[in-house]
Protein backbone atom coordinates (compact mmCIF):
# COMPACT_ATOMS: atom_id res chain seq x y z
CA MET A 1 14.19 -1.05 16.14
CA VAL A 2 15.79 -2.86 13.30
CA THR A 3 16.33 -1.17 10.02
CA VAL A 4 16.79 -3.24 6.95
CA VAL A 5 18.27 -1.92 3.63
CA PRO A 6 17.52 -3.56 0.43
CA GLY A 7 19.35 -6.86 -0.09
CA GLN A 8 20.21 -7.28 3.66
CA LYS A 9 18.73 -10.03 5.79
CA VAL A 10 18.27 -9.62 9.61
CA LEU A 11 17.07 -12.39 11.99
CA SER A 12 15.91 -11.22 15.45
CA SER A 13 14.91 -13.28 18.34
CA HIS A 14 13.43 -10.17 20.12
CA VAL A 15 9.60 -10.65 20.45
CA ASN A 16 9.04 -7.05 20.30
CA ALA A 17 11.18 -6.17 17.35
CA LYS A 18 10.17 -3.69 14.84
CA LEU A 19 11.12 -3.74 11.11
CA ASP A 20 11.64 -0.65 9.01
CA ILE A 21 12.29 -1.22 5.29
CA ASP A 22 14.10 1.62 3.44
CA GLY A 23 13.67 1.94 -0.30
CA SER A 24 10.91 1.59 -2.64
CA ASP A 25 8.93 -1.46 -4.08
CA ASN A 26 10.60 -3.79 -1.63
CA LYS A 27 9.74 -7.33 -2.91
CA MET A 28 9.21 -10.41 -0.45
CA THR A 29 10.36 -13.83 -1.54
CA THR A 30 8.76 -15.54 1.47
CA ASN A 31 5.53 -15.57 3.43
CA PHE A 32 4.90 -12.62 5.73
CA VAL A 33 3.35 -13.95 8.88
CA PRO A 34 2.87 -12.81 12.48
CA ALA A 35 4.92 -14.47 15.25
CA VAL A 36 1.62 -15.39 16.96
CA GLY A 37 -1.71 -16.16 15.21
CA ASN A 38 -4.58 -13.74 15.66
CA SER A 39 -2.50 -11.22 17.66
CA PHE A 40 -1.33 -8.42 15.52
CA ASP A 41 -2.93 -5.72 13.17
CA LEU A 42 -1.90 -4.54 9.82
CA GLY A 43 -2.05 -0.78 10.23
CA LEU A 44 -3.60 1.30 12.90
CA THR A 45 -6.65 3.60 13.33
CA GLY A 46 -4.70 6.76 12.53
CA THR A 47 -2.02 4.95 10.28
CA ARG A 48 -3.80 3.01 7.72
CA TRP A 49 -2.78 1.28 4.49
CA LYS A 50 -4.10 3.03 1.33
CA ASP A 51 -4.73 0.37 -1.09
CA LEU A 52 -4.76 -3.44 -1.00
CA PHE A 53 -4.17 -5.50 -4.14
CA LEU A 54 -5.04 -9.15 -3.90
CA SER A 55 -5.48 -12.14 -6.28
CA GLY A 56 -7.10 -15.34 -5.01
CA THR A 57 -9.21 -15.60 -1.83
CA ALA A 58 -9.30 -13.41 1.19
CA TYR A 59 -10.15 -15.47 4.35
CA GLY A 60 -11.26 -14.10 7.62
CA SER A 61 -14.24 -13.25 9.79
CA LEU A 62 -15.64 -9.76 10.27
CA SER A 63 -17.33 -8.31 13.16
CA GLY A 64 -19.05 -4.98 12.94
CA ASN A 65 -19.54 -3.20 9.57
CA VAL A 66 -17.45 -2.92 6.45
CA THR A 67 -17.57 0.81 5.29
CA GLY A 68 -16.04 2.65 2.38
CA ASP A 69 -16.67 3.80 -1.02
CA VAL A 70 -17.27 1.05 -3.78
CA VAL A 71 -16.10 2.41 -7.08
CA GLY A 72 -17.60 0.78 -10.17
CA GLY A 73 -20.09 -1.56 -8.28
CA ILE A 74 -19.71 -5.04 -7.11
CA GLU A 75 -20.11 -7.92 -9.49
CA PRO A 76 -19.15 -11.59 -9.67
CA ALA A 77 -16.46 -12.79 -12.12
CA THR A 78 -19.00 -14.99 -13.86
CA ASN A 79 -22.61 -14.13 -14.32
CA GLY A 80 -24.80 -15.84 -11.69
CA ALA A 81 -21.77 -17.33 -9.99
CA LYS A 82 -22.11 -15.56 -6.39
CA SER A 83 -24.70 -14.80 -3.83
CA VAL A 84 -25.09 -12.36 -0.90
CA GLY A 85 -25.76 -14.41 2.10
CA THR A 86 -26.19 -18.19 2.10
CA SER A 87 -29.09 -20.66 2.30
CA THR A 88 -28.74 -20.70 6.12
CA LYS A 89 -27.41 -17.01 6.74
CA GLY A 90 -29.47 -14.48 4.73
CA MET A 91 -29.18 -10.68 4.97
CA ALA A 92 -32.00 -9.05 6.99
CA TYR A 93 -32.21 -5.81 4.96
CA VAL A 94 -30.92 -4.39 1.66
CA TYR A 95 -30.84 -0.75 1.10
CA LEU A 96 -31.35 0.73 -2.31
CA LYS A 97 -31.16 4.30 -3.51
CA ASP A 98 -33.79 5.40 -6.18
CA THR A 99 -31.68 6.66 -9.22
CA ALA A 100 -34.41 9.26 -10.08
CA ASN A 101 -34.23 11.13 -6.73
CA THR A 102 -32.52 10.87 -3.26
CA ASN A 103 -35.00 8.42 -1.69
CA VAL A 104 -33.53 5.28 -0.02
CA TYR A 105 -35.59 2.18 0.46
CA ARG A 106 -35.10 -0.72 2.83
CA LEU A 107 -35.88 -4.10 1.34
CA GLU A 108 -36.79 -6.89 3.69
CA VAL A 109 -38.90 -10.20 3.56
CA VAL A 110 -41.74 -10.32 6.30
CA SER A 111 -43.73 -13.67 6.43
CA GLY A 112 -42.76 -14.56 2.85
CA VAL A 113 -43.59 -11.02 1.47
CA LEU A 114 -40.97 -8.69 -0.06
CA GLN A 115 -41.44 -5.23 1.34
CA ALA A 116 -39.92 -1.97 0.35
CA THR A 117 -39.95 0.78 3.01
CA LEU A 118 -39.06 4.49 2.27
CA ILE A 119 -36.57 5.47 4.97
């Protein structure tokens, strides 16, 4: 394991080297990239990052589900600027909760007809 204190630079040729950074609000002045593409995770199942702050675009591909709480809703930066799905890859279902009660409806299009099913 390699321990780095603020202001110290360490170069390592060890493929399995670990890096511990001591101090608070450590700042990077270069890109932070894995040694091999598509080979390493950021965090673990039991040791997760709390918040992620980004500006710009997040790139990647997802398999499975994205879960978690959305605080404040999801909206595009510009009115009418974004879509859910694409013209060739649409969503199969959209789930909506009735704001007057606890009912949840599944919306889907079947043979060109929009259907809402209470689930």
